[in-house]
Amino acid sequence: MSMPRRAMKELGLQACCLRCDESDIAGSQRCKSCISHHRNVRELIAAAATEDELFQFAKELVAMAASPHRHDHDEIHGEVLLEQQRLAAALITATPLPTSEEVGDLFASQRNSEKTNIIRDVANQNPWKDAAPEVDVATQIGQEAWSDAEAEASIAHHGARTIPSKPIAKVDRSDRVGEDLELSDRIHAAVDAQSVPKELADDVEAFGFEARQRARKDLKDAISNLDEILDDDFDL
């Protein structure tokens, strides 16, 4: 039995390595030949038509071999998939559980380690973050940051309305389509079609999309009629 090669794992066919009688030597000619052959088989299966029953069965077998723990309840292939997991487990070196002293040392190390706070220790470079400045220093900072001229200008313009010197051009928002309502209707119709048999899915999806589009149009017409009623000045 050989350790599964990485290329075979990527193909989902590591089960072949677990049952191989070749010496466990990576890069051997037999490994290269096997990987090349299985890669061609995998590409052939992937490119096959979905309605082909033979290739559909092959895809199911590859899925089982790639993830045996997810399919080992299968009535037909379950025992073989369990055996595959046992073969893989036999190649793994058991890691001994940590002792109580090692666990205690780990907790003590975590308690004694100082964690870095990005905001407090790195981003915040304020020299007075831990204590306020002296009174004379704070007074000087206030005088430098808030001169009399700046204070008067701020008070004079406080609450004043901004009057533009030039007319503001209207923004063209025609290219901002927002939500694609048609795509949204198609997605909802496709989701509804998943709950019916496959032979009816296409018809249900088409009918659902048309019904949503028709209901949306009726709503738009109703809103348009309402706008006309509200805009009517009722002149007689």
C-alpha atoms as a PDB file:
ATOM      1  CA  MET A   1       0.000   0.000   0.000  1.00  0.00           C
ATOM      2  CA  SER A   2       1.340   3.429  -0.977  1.00  0.00           C
ATOM      3  CA  MET A   3       0.855   6.848   0.512  1.00  0.00           C
ATOM      4  CA  PRO A   4      -1.619   8.711  -1.757  1.00  0.00           C
ATOM      5  CA  ARG A   5       0.114  11.092  -4.150  1.00  0.00           C
ATOM      6  CA  ARG A   6      -0.943  14.730  -4.093  1.00  0.00           C
ATOM      7  CA  ALA A   7      -1.900  14.666  -7.780  1.00  0.00           C
ATOM      8  CA  MET A   8      -4.190  11.702  -7.160  1.00  0.00           C
ATOM      9  CA  LYS A   9      -5.794  13.504  -4.199  1.00  0.00           C
ATOM     10  CA  GLU A  10      -6.491  16.497  -6.405  1.00  0.00           C
ATOM     11  CA  LEU A  11      -8.172  14.172  -8.908  1.00  0.00           C
ATOM     12  CA  GLY A  12     -10.231  12.608  -6.120  1.00  0.00           C
ATOM     13  CA  LEU A  13      -8.790   9.167  -6.881  1.00  0.00           C
ATOM     14  CA  GLN A  14      -6.530   8.599  -3.868  1.00  0.00           C
ATOM     15  CA  ALA A  15      -8.334   5.296  -3.315  1.00  0.00           C
ATOM     16  CA  CYS A  16      -6.211   3.839  -6.125  1.00  0.00           C
ATOM     17  CA  CYS A  17      -3.004   4.669  -4.231  1.00  0.00           C
ATOM     18  CA  LEU A  18      -4.335   3.054  -1.044  1.00  0.00           C
ATOM     19  CA  ARG A  19      -4.814  -0.232  -2.921  1.00  0.00           C
ATOM     20  CA  CYS A  20      -1.643  -0.021  -5.047  1.00  0.00           C
ATOM     21  CA  ASP A  21       1.093  -2.664  -4.616  1.00  0.00           C
ATOM     22  CA  GLU A  22       3.835  -0.365  -5.951  1.00  0.00           C
ATOM     23  CA  SER A  23       6.681   0.586  -3.615  1.00  0.00           C
ATOM     24  CA  ASP A  24       6.008   3.799  -1.726  1.00  0.00           C
ATOM     25  CA  ILE A  25       8.470   5.875  -3.767  1.00  0.00           C
ATOM     26  CA  ALA A  26       7.219   9.240  -4.964  1.00  0.00           C
ATOM     27  CA  GLY A  27       7.919  10.101  -8.591  1.00  0.00           C
ATOM     28  CA  SER A  28       8.292   6.526  -9.807  1.00  0.00           C
ATOM     29  CA  GLN A  29       7.512   5.742 -13.433  1.00  0.00           C
ATOM     30  CA  ARG A  30       4.470   3.728 -12.456  1.00  0.00           C
ATOM     31  CA  CYS A  31       3.107   6.665 -10.419  1.00  0.00           C
ATOM     32  CA  LYS A  32       3.588   9.040 -13.331  1.00  0.00           C
ATOM     33  CA  SER A  33       1.888   6.659 -15.742  1.00  0.00           C
ATOM     34  CA  CYS A  34      -1.017   6.099 -13.353  1.00  0.00           C
ATOM     35  CA  ILE A  35      -1.505   9.831 -12.687  1.00  0.00           C
ATOM     36  CA  SER A  36      -1.449  10.620 -16.410  1.00  0.00           C
ATOM     37  CA  HIS A  37      -4.001   7.905 -17.196  1.00  0.00           C
ATOM     38  CA  HIS A  38      -6.353   8.887 -14.370  1.00  0.00           C
ATOM     39  CA  ARG A  39      -6.127  12.567 -15.319  1.00  0.00           C
ATOM     40  CA  ASN A  40      -7.309  11.679 -18.827  1.00  0.00           C
ATOM     41  CA  VAL A  41     -10.155   9.617 -17.392  1.00  0.00           C
ATOM     42  CA  ARG A  42     -11.208  12.458 -15.087  1.00  0.00           C
ATOM     43  CA  GLU A  43     -11.199  14.965 -17.955  1.00  0.00           C
ATOM     44  CA  LEU A  44     -13.234  12.543 -20.095  1.00  0.00           C
ATOM     45  CA  ILE A  45     -15.825  12.173 -17.326  1.00  0.00           C
ATOM     46  CA  ALA A  46     -16.011  15.934 -16.758  1.00  0.00           C
ATOM     47  CA  ALA A  47     -16.550  16.647 -20.465  1.00  0.00           C
ATOM     48  CA  ALA A  48     -19.263  14.004 -20.918  1.00  0.00           C
ATOM     49  CA  ALA A  49     -22.880  14.954 -21.545  1.00  0.00           C
ATOM     50  CA  THR A  50     -24.986  15.227 -18.405  1.00  0.00           C
ATOM     51  CA  GLU A  51     -27.703  12.973 -19.805  1.00  0.00           C
ATOM     52  CA  ASP A  52     -25.289  10.081 -20.438  1.00  0.00           C
ATOM     53  CA  GLU A  53     -26.212   7.487 -17.806  1.00  0.00           C
ATOM     54  CA  LEU A  54     -22.850   5.691 -17.909  1.00  0.00           C
ATOM     55  CA  PHE A  55     -20.825   8.831 -17.272  1.00  0.00           C
ATOM     56  CA  GLN A  56     -23.333   9.974 -14.654  1.00  0.00           C
ATOM     57  CA  PHE A  57     -22.660   6.733 -12.792  1.00  0.00           C
ATOM     58  CA  ALA A  58     -18.898   7.312 -13.188  1.00  0.00           C
ATOM     59  CA  LYS A  59     -19.257  10.803 -11.682  1.00  0.00           C
ATOM     60  CA  GLU A  60     -21.074   9.346  -8.689  1.00  0.00           C
ATOM     61  CA  LEU A  61     -18.308   6.788  -8.138  1.00  0.00           C
ATOM     62  CA  VAL A  62     -15.614   9.490  -8.330  1.00  0.00           C
ATOM     63  CA  ALA A  63     -17.547  11.604  -5.814  1.00  0.00           C
ATOM     64  CA  MET A  64     -17.703   8.634  -3.433  1.00  0.00           C
ATOM     65  CA  ALA A  65     -13.999   7.865  -3.820  1.00  0.00           C
ATOM     66  CA  ALA A  66     -13.047  11.526  -3.270  1.00  0.00           C
ATOM     67  CA  SER A  67     -15.121  11.885  -0.063  1.00  0.00           C
ATOM     68  CA  PRO A  68     -15.724   8.398   1.358  1.00  0.00           C
ATOM     69  CA  HIS A  69     -16.762   9.737   4.782  1.00  0.00           C
ATOM     70  CA  ARG A  70     -19.775  11.454   3.200  1.00  0.00           C
ATOM     71  CA  HIS A  71     -21.069   8.361   1.408  1.00  0.00           C
ATOM     72  CA  ASP A  72     -20.132   5.435   3.674  1.00  0.00           C
ATOM     73  CA  HIS A  73     -23.819   5.000   4.537  1.00  0.00           C
ATOM     74  CA  ASP A  74     -24.479   3.843   0.958  1.00  0.00           C
ATOM     75  CA  GLU A  75     -26.123   0.408   0.946  1.00  0.00           C
ATOM     76  CA  ILE A  76     -24.034  -0.912  -1.962  1.00  0.00           C
ATOM     77  CA  HIS A  77     -20.651   0.847  -1.666  1.00  0.00           C
ATOM     78  CA  GLY A  78     -20.646   1.672   2.052  1.00  0.00           C
ATOM     79  CA  GLU A  79     -18.412  -1.205   3.168  1.00  0.00           C
ATOM     80  CA  VAL A  80     -15.810  -0.457   0.482  1.00  0.00           C
ATOM     81  CA  LEU A  81     -15.771   3.223   1.465  1.00  0.00           C
ATOM     82  CA  LEU A  82     -15.310   2.332   5.135  1.00  0.00           C
ATOM     83  CA  GLU A  83     -12.396   0.091   4.171  1.00  0.00           C
ATOM     84  CA  GLN A  84     -10.871   2.996   2.215  1.00  0.00           C
ATOM     85  CA  GLN A  85     -11.016   5.155   5.347  1.00  0.00           C
ATOM     86  CA  ARG A  86      -9.383   2.403   7.416  1.00  0.00           C
ATOM     87  CA  LEU A  87      -6.555   2.102   4.892  1.00  0.00           C
ATOM     88  CA  ALA A  88      -5.989   5.871   4.982  1.00  0.00           C
ATOM     89  CA  ALA A  89      -6.038   5.946   8.799  1.00  0.00           C
ATOM     90  CA  ALA A  90      -3.363   3.207   8.919  1.00  0.00           C
ATOM     91  CA  LEU A  91      -0.917   5.549   7.144  1.00  0.00           C
ATOM     92  CA  ILE A  92      -1.364   8.388   9.630  1.00  0.00           C
ATOM     93  CA  THR A  93       1.029   8.592  12.542  1.00  0.00           C
ATOM     94  CA  ALA A  94      -0.952   8.990  15.757  1.00  0.00           C
ATOM     95  CA  THR A  95      -0.130  12.204  17.615  1.00  0.00           C
ATOM     96  CA  PRO A  96       0.144  11.658  21.392  1.00  0.00           C
ATOM     97  CA  LEU A  97      -2.233  13.670  23.540  1.00  0.00           C
ATOM     98  CA  PRO A  98      -0.645  16.513  25.531  1.00  0.00           C
ATOM     99  CA  THR A  99       0.052  15.885  29.205  1.00  0.00           C
ATOM    100  CA  SER A 100      -1.589  17.883  31.986  1.00  0.00           C
ATOM    101  CA  GLU A 101       1.751  19.650  32.622  1.00  0.00           C
ATOM    102  CA  GLU A 102       1.958  20.743  28.967  1.00  0.00           C
ATOM    103  CA  VAL A 103      -1.607  22.074  29.071  1.00  0.00           C
ATOM    104  CA  GLY A 104      -0.864  23.980  32.275  1.00  0.00           C
ATOM    105  CA  ASP A 105       2.302  25.482  30.789  1.00  0.00           C
ATOM    106  CA  LEU A 106       0.347  26.601  27.724  1.00  0.00           C
ATOM    107  CA  PHE A 107      -2.290  28.408  29.806  1.00  0.00           C
ATOM    108  CA  ALA A 108       0.392  30.040  31.942  1.00  0.00           C
ATOM    109  CA  SER A 109       2.225  31.222  28.835  1.00  0.00           C
ATOM    110  CA  GLN A 110      -0.969  32.729  27.420  1.00  0.00           C
ATOM    111  CA  ARG A 111      -1.730  34.536  30.684  1.00  0.00           C
ATOM    112  CA  ASN A 112       1.741  36.060  30.850  1.00  0.00           C
ATOM    113  CA  SER A 113       1.918  37.149  27.227  1.00  0.00           C
ATOM    114  CA  GLU A 114       0.954  40.767  26.516  1.00  0.00           C
ATOM    115  CA  LYS A 115      -1.409  41.139  23.570  1.00  0.00           C
ATOM    116  CA  THR A 116      -0.860  44.043  21.197  1.00  0.00           C
ATOM    117  CA  ASN A 117      -3.780  46.417  20.773  1.00  0.00           C
ATOM    118  CA  ILE A 118      -3.507  47.959  17.295  1.00  0.00           C
ATOM    119  CA  ILE A 119      -5.602  51.028  18.114  1.00  0.00           C
ATOM    120  CA  ARG A 120      -4.098  51.682  21.540  1.00  0.00           C
ATOM    121  CA  ASP A 121      -0.456  50.781  20.954  1.00  0.00           C
ATOM    122  CA  VAL A 122       0.082  51.524  17.268  1.00  0.00           C
ATOM    123  CA  ALA A 123      -2.526  53.898  15.846  1.00  0.00           C
ATOM    124  CA  ASN A 124      -2.946  56.157  18.885  1.00  0.00           C
ATOM    125  CA  GLN A 125       0.219  58.254  19.085  1.00  0.00           C
ATOM    126  CA  ASN A 126      -1.323  60.972  21.280  1.00  0.00           C
ATOM    127  CA  PRO A 127       1.274  61.856  23.948  1.00  0.00           C
ATOM    128  CA  TRP A 128      -1.581  62.549  26.426  1.00  0.00           C
ATOM    129  CA  LYS A 129      -3.504  59.310  25.881  1.00  0.00           C
ATOM    130  CA  ASP A 130      -2.693  58.111  29.406  1.00  0.00           C
ATOM    131  CA  ALA A 131      -2.856  61.457  31.267  1.00  0.00           C
ATOM    132  CA  ALA A 132      -4.169  64.944  30.487  1.00  0.00           C
ATOM    133  CA  PRO A 133      -1.608  67.719  29.765  1.00  0.00           C
ATOM    134  CA  GLU A 134      -0.716  70.331  32.338  1.00  0.00           C
ATOM    135  CA  VAL A 135      -2.899  73.432  32.547  1.00  0.00           C
ATOM    136  CA  ASP A 136      -0.384  75.776  30.935  1.00  0.00           C
ATOM    137  CA  VAL A 137       0.248  73.300  28.086  1.00  0.00           C
ATOM    138  CA  ALA A 138      -3.501  72.870  27.478  1.00  0.00           C
ATOM    139  CA  THR A 139      -3.959  76.667  27.458  1.00  0.00           C
ATOM    140  CA  GLN A 140      -1.205  77.118  24.904  1.00  0.00           C
ATOM    141  CA  ILE A 141      -2.660  74.390  22.680  1.00  0.00           C
ATOM    142  CA  GLY A 142      -6.071  76.084  22.798  1.00  0.00           C
ATOM    143  CA  GLN A 143      -4.628  79.462  21.900  1.00  0.00           C
ATOM    144  CA  GLU A 144      -2.714  78.033  18.939  1.00  0.00           C
ATOM    145  CA  ALA A 145      -5.630  76.004  17.619  1.00  0.00           C
ATOM    146  CA  TRP A 146      -8.337  78.657  18.163  1.00  0.00           C
ATOM    147  CA  SER A 147      -7.158  82.197  17.469  1.00  0.00           C
ATOM    148  CA  ASP A 148      -9.477  85.212  17.855  1.00  0.00           C
ATOM    149  CA  ALA A 149      -9.742  85.714  14.089  1.00  0.00           C
ATOM    150  CA  GLU A 150     -10.717  82.094  13.511  1.00  0.00           C
ATOM    151  CA  ALA A 151     -13.263  82.220  16.345  1.00  0.00           C
ATOM    152  CA  GLU A 152     -14.902  85.367  14.965  1.00  0.00           C
ATOM    153  CA  ALA A 153     -15.067  83.927  11.453  1.00  0.00           C
ATOM    154  CA  SER A 154     -16.609  80.719  12.737  1.00  0.00           C
ATOM    155  CA  ILE A 155     -19.246  82.565  14.796  1.00  0.00           C
ATOM    156  CA  ALA A 156     -20.066  84.880  11.893  1.00  0.00           C
ATOM    157  CA  HIS A 157     -20.744  82.019   9.507  1.00  0.00           C
ATOM    158  CA  HIS A 158     -22.360  79.673  12.020  1.00  0.00           C
ATOM    159  CA  GLY A 159     -25.679  78.466  10.638  1.00  0.00           C
ATOM    160  CA  ALA A 160     -25.317  80.509   7.446  1.00  0.00           C
ATOM    161  CA  ARG A 161     -26.831  79.032   4.339  1.00  0.00           C
ATOM    162  CA  THR A 162     -24.516  78.248   1.461  1.00  0.00           C
ATOM    163  CA  ILE A 163     -25.517  80.136  -1.694  1.00  0.00           C
ATOM    164  CA  PRO A 164     -23.716  78.823  -4.770  1.00  0.00           C
ATOM    165  CA  SER A 165     -22.239  81.403  -7.101  1.00  0.00           C
ATOM    166  CA  LYS A 166     -23.044  79.268 -10.126  1.00  0.00           C
ATOM    167  CA  PRO A 167     -26.131  77.219 -10.973  1.00  0.00           C
ATOM    168  CA  ILE A 168     -25.731  73.568 -10.112  1.00  0.00           C
ATOM    169  CA  ALA A 169     -26.132  71.340 -13.152  1.00  0.00           C
ATOM    170  CA  LYS A 170     -28.548  68.454 -12.861  1.00  0.00           C
ATOM    171  CA  VAL A 171     -26.799  65.096 -12.532  1.00  0.00           C
ATOM    172  CA  ASP A 172     -27.475  62.559 -15.270  1.00  0.00           C
ATOM    173  CA  ARG A 173     -28.503  59.370 -13.498  1.00  0.00           C
ATOM    174  CA  SER A 174     -29.768  57.502 -16.535  1.00  0.00           C
ATOM    175  CA  ASP A 175     -26.892  55.025 -16.362  1.00  0.00           C
ATOM    176  CA  ARG A 176     -27.630  54.160 -12.724  1.00  0.00           C
ATOM    177  CA  VAL A 177     -30.033  51.348 -13.325  1.00  0.00           C
ATOM    178  CA  GLY A 178     -30.169  50.230  -9.707  1.00  0.00           C
ATOM    179  CA  GLU A 179     -31.699  46.801  -9.133  1.00  0.00           C
ATOM    180  CA  ASP A 180     -32.069  44.581 -12.197  1.00  0.00           C
ATOM    181  CA  LEU A 181     -35.728  43.661 -11.708  1.00  0.00           C
ATOM    182  CA  GLU A 182     -35.829  41.291 -14.673  1.00  0.00           C
ATOM    183  CA  LEU A 183     -32.840  39.346 -13.369  1.00  0.00           C
ATOM    184  CA  SER A 184     -34.422  39.270  -9.906  1.00  0.00           C
ATOM    185  CA  ASP A 185     -37.622  37.780 -11.350  1.00  0.00           C
ATOM    186  CA  ARG A 186     -35.642  35.121 -13.230  1.00  0.00           C
ATOM    187  CA  ILE A 187     -33.756  34.133 -10.081  1.00  0.00           C
ATOM    188  CA  HIS A 188     -36.947  33.825  -8.022  1.00  0.00           C
ATOM    189  CA  ALA A 189     -38.579  31.762 -10.779  1.00  0.00           C
ATOM    190  CA  ALA A 190     -35.531  29.463 -10.956  1.00  0.00           C
ATOM    191  CA  VAL A 191     -35.610  28.944  -7.186  1.00  0.00           C
ATOM    192  CA  ASP A 192     -39.316  28.047  -7.305  1.00  0.00           C
ATOM    193  CA  ALA A 193     -38.628  25.546 -10.113  1.00  0.00           C
ATOM    194  CA  GLN A 194     -36.155  23.590  -7.957  1.00  0.00           C
ATOM    195  CA  SER A 195     -38.989  22.115  -5.897  1.00  0.00           C
ATOM    196  CA  VAL A 196     -40.669  20.372  -8.848  1.00  0.00           C
ATOM    197  CA  PRO A 197     -39.609  17.305 -10.916  1.00  0.00           C
ATOM    198  CA  LYS A 198     -36.889  17.942 -13.487  1.00  0.00           C
ATOM    199  CA  GLU A 199     -39.177  17.323 -16.445  1.00  0.00           C
ATOM    200  CA  LEU A 200     -41.405  20.203 -15.269  1.00  0.00           C
ATOM    201  CA  ALA A 201     -38.697  22.583 -14.070  1.00  0.00           C
ATOM    202  CA  ASP A 202     -38.262  24.515 -17.334  1.00  0.00           C
ATOM    203  CA  ASP A 203     -41.997  25.082 -17.789  1.00  0.00           C
ATOM    204  CA  VAL A 204     -42.489  26.100 -14.157  1.00  0.00           C
ATOM    205  CA  GLU A 205     -39.550  28.516 -14.343  1.00  0.00           C
ATOM    206  CA  ALA A 206     -40.847  30.125 -17.567  1.00  0.00           C
ATOM    207  CA  PHE A 207     -44.386  30.416 -16.196  1.00  0.00           C
ATOM    208  CA  GLY A 208     -43.137  31.880 -12.909  1.00  0.00           C
ATOM    209  CA  PHE A 209     -41.001  34.482 -14.680  1.00  0.00           C
ATOM    210  CA  GLU A 210     -43.878  35.552 -16.943  1.00  0.00           C
ATOM    211  CA  ALA A 211     -46.254  35.778 -13.972  1.00  0.00           C
ATOM    212  CA  ARG A 212     -43.834  37.973 -12.019  1.00  0.00           C
ATOM    213  CA  GLN A 213     -43.253  40.229 -15.014  1.00  0.00           C
ATOM    214  CA  ARG A 214     -47.005  40.552 -15.618  1.00  0.00           C
ATOM    215  CA  ALA A 215     -47.680  41.360 -11.953  1.00  0.00           C
ATOM    216  CA  ARG A 216     -44.898  43.956 -11.963  1.00  0.00           C
ATOM    217  CA  LYS A 217     -46.380  45.602 -15.093  1.00  0.00           C
ATOM    218  CA  ASP A 218     -49.863  45.673 -13.541  1.00  0.00           C
ATOM    219  CA  LEU A 219     -48.464  47.321 -10.427  1.00  0.00           C
ATOM    220  CA  LYS A 220     -46.605  49.915 -12.507  1.00  0.00           C
ATOM    221  CA  ASP A 221     -49.786  50.714 -14.463  1.00  0.00           C
ATOM    222  CA  ALA A 222     -51.772  51.058 -11.239  1.00  0.00           C
ATOM    223  CA  ILE A 223     -49.207  53.470  -9.772  1.00  0.00           C
ATOM    224  CA  SER A 224     -49.204  55.476 -13.008  1.00  0.00           C
ATOM    225  CA  ASN A 225     -53.008  55.786 -12.921  1.00  0.00           C
ATOM    226  CA  LEU A 226     -52.841  56.847  -9.283  1.00  0.00           C
ATOM    227  CA  ASP A 227     -50.323  59.573 -10.140  1.00  0.00           C
ATOM    228  CA  GLU A 228     -52.651  60.889 -12.833  1.00  0.00           C
ATOM    229  CA  ILE A 229     -55.542  61.043 -10.356  1.00  0.00           C
ATOM    230  CA  LEU A 230     -53.422  62.895  -7.775  1.00  0.00           C
ATOM    231  CA  ASP A 231     -52.155  65.358 -10.406  1.00  0.00           C
ATOM    232  CA  ASP A 232     -55.673  66.109 -11.696  1.00  0.00           C
ATOM    233  CA  ASP A 233     -56.779  69.587 -10.597  1.00  0.00           C
ATOM    234  CA  PHE A 234     -60.450  68.631 -10.945  1.00  0.00           C
ATOM    235  CA  ASP A 235     -61.196  71.697 -13.054  1.00  0.00           C
ATOM    236  CA  LEU A 236     -64.806  71.657 -14.270  1.00  0.00           C
END
